[in-house]
Amino acid sequence: MAHVRFDLAAIVSYTLFIFLKMKKNLILVFILLLLLTITTACISGLNAFSGVVGILILIFATFKFLLVAFHFMELKKAHSFWKISLMLTLLLFVIVIVSLK
């Protein structure tokens, strides 16, 4: 019988160290992303207003995408052209998805 040892303590402590090393702003954005993800998961179970639920999930996904792009990919330091082009592309993508419903 093979014995496999999982070093879970090292993985958890490393993850906790990385989390504590993050700046306060990034921690707040990270917590907001987690809350939005949990809210989206809870909302997806609602069947009462399926059209509204779909649009609400799409809005949350758009907001999460912008948070990741601007805070974790550091798009806020990029040239204005890239910021505007990303937002226009995202807006066009959302409009196309909503119009297909």
Protein backbone atom coordinates (compact mmCIF):
# COMPACT_ATOMS: atom_id res chain seq x y z
CA MET A 1 0.00 0.00 0.00
CA ALA A 2 1.52 3.30 -1.08
CA HIS A 3 1.71 6.04 1.50
CA VAL A 4 1.00 9.52 0.17
CA ARG A 5 1.68 12.46 2.42
CA PHE A 6 -0.09 15.70 1.73
CA ASP A 7 1.66 18.74 3.08
CA LEU A 8 -1.52 20.69 3.71
CA ALA A 9 -0.03 22.81 6.49
CA ALA A 10 2.60 24.22 4.13
CA ILE A 11 0.02 25.00 1.45
CA VAL A 12 -2.36 26.70 3.89
CA SER A 13 0.39 28.69 5.59
CA TYR A 14 1.82 29.81 2.24
CA THR A 15 -1.61 30.92 1.04
CA LEU A 16 -2.24 32.74 4.31
CA PHE A 17 1.17 34.43 4.05
CA ILE A 18 0.43 35.63 0.52
CA PHE A 19 -2.98 36.90 1.63
CA LEU A 20 -1.52 38.85 4.55
CA LYS A 21 1.25 40.25 2.36
CA MET A 22 -1.27 41.86 -0.01
CA LYS A 23 -2.02 45.54 0.30
CA LYS A 24 -5.24 46.62 2.02
CA ASN A 25 -6.76 47.83 -1.25
CA LEU A 26 -6.15 44.50 -2.94
CA ILE A 27 -7.55 42.62 0.06
CA LEU A 28 -10.74 44.68 -0.09
CA VAL A 29 -11.07 44.03 -3.83
CA PHE A 30 -10.43 40.33 -3.24
CA ILE A 31 -13.14 40.18 -0.55
CA LEU A 32 -15.53 42.08 -2.82
CA LEU A 33 -14.86 39.57 -5.61
CA LEU A 34 -15.60 36.70 -3.24
CA LEU A 35 -18.84 38.34 -2.08
CA LEU A 36 -19.92 38.97 -5.68
CA THR A 37 -19.17 35.35 -6.57
CA ILE A 38 -21.17 34.03 -3.61
CA THR A 39 -24.03 36.42 -4.42
CA THR A 40 -24.03 35.26 -8.03
CA ALA A 41 -24.15 31.63 -6.92
CA CYS A 42 -27.12 32.35 -4.64
CA ILE A 43 -28.96 34.34 -7.30
CA SER A 44 -28.46 31.65 -9.94
CA GLY A 45 -30.75 29.31 -8.01
CA LEU A 46 -33.73 31.64 -8.37
CA ASN A 47 -36.17 30.59 -11.06
CA ALA A 48 -38.87 33.17 -10.42
CA PHE A 49 -37.55 35.90 -12.71
CA SER A 50 -35.20 34.08 -15.07
CA GLY A 51 -34.75 37.05 -17.42
CA VAL A 52 -33.92 39.44 -14.60
CA VAL A 53 -31.65 36.87 -12.95
CA GLY A 54 -29.69 36.39 -16.17
CA ILE A 55 -29.15 40.11 -16.63
CA LEU A 56 -28.22 40.52 -12.96
CA ILE A 57 -25.64 37.74 -13.22
CA LEU A 58 -24.25 39.37 -16.36
CA ILE A 59 -23.94 42.71 -14.55
CA PHE A 60 -22.12 41.05 -11.65
CA ALA A 61 -19.80 39.28 -14.09
CA THR A 62 -19.05 42.56 -15.84
CA PHE A 63 -18.29 44.27 -12.55
CA LYS A 64 -16.02 41.39 -11.48
CA PHE A 65 -14.21 41.50 -14.82
CA LEU A 66 -13.54 45.23 -14.45
CA LEU A 67 -12.33 44.77 -10.87
CA VAL A 68 -9.88 42.08 -11.93
CA ALA A 69 -8.70 44.03 -14.96
CA PHE A 70 -8.10 47.29 -13.14
CA HIS A 71 -6.80 46.02 -9.81
CA PHE A 72 -5.04 42.72 -10.40
CA MET A 73 -3.90 43.21 -14.00
CA GLU A 74 -3.01 46.84 -13.19
CA LEU A 75 -4.89 48.28 -16.11
CA LYS A 76 -5.29 51.49 -14.11
CA LYS A 77 -1.64 52.24 -14.94
CA ALA A 78 -2.14 51.58 -18.65
CA HIS A 79 -2.65 54.09 -21.44
CA SER A 80 -6.15 55.58 -21.76
CA PHE A 81 -6.59 53.88 -25.14
CA TRP A 82 -6.44 50.43 -23.52
CA LYS A 83 -8.83 51.40 -20.73
CA ILE A 84 -11.40 52.81 -23.13
CA SER A 85 -11.04 49.97 -25.64
CA LEU A 86 -11.51 47.35 -22.92
CA MET A 87 -14.63 49.05 -21.57
CA LEU A 88 -16.12 49.55 -25.04
CA THR A 89 -15.43 45.93 -25.98
CA LEU A 90 -17.00 44.75 -22.73
CA LEU A 91 -20.01 47.00 -23.27
CA LEU A 92 -20.45 45.70 -26.82
CA PHE A 93 -20.16 42.11 -25.55
CA VAL A 94 -22.84 42.69 -22.89
CA ILE A 95 -25.17 44.40 -25.36
CA VAL A 96 -24.84 41.51 -27.81
CA ILE A 97 -25.55 38.92 -25.11
CA VAL A 98 -28.54 40.82 -23.74
CA SER A 99 -29.97 41.36 -27.23
CA LEU A 100 -29.74 37.63 -28.01
CA LYS A 101 -32.00 36.74 -25.07
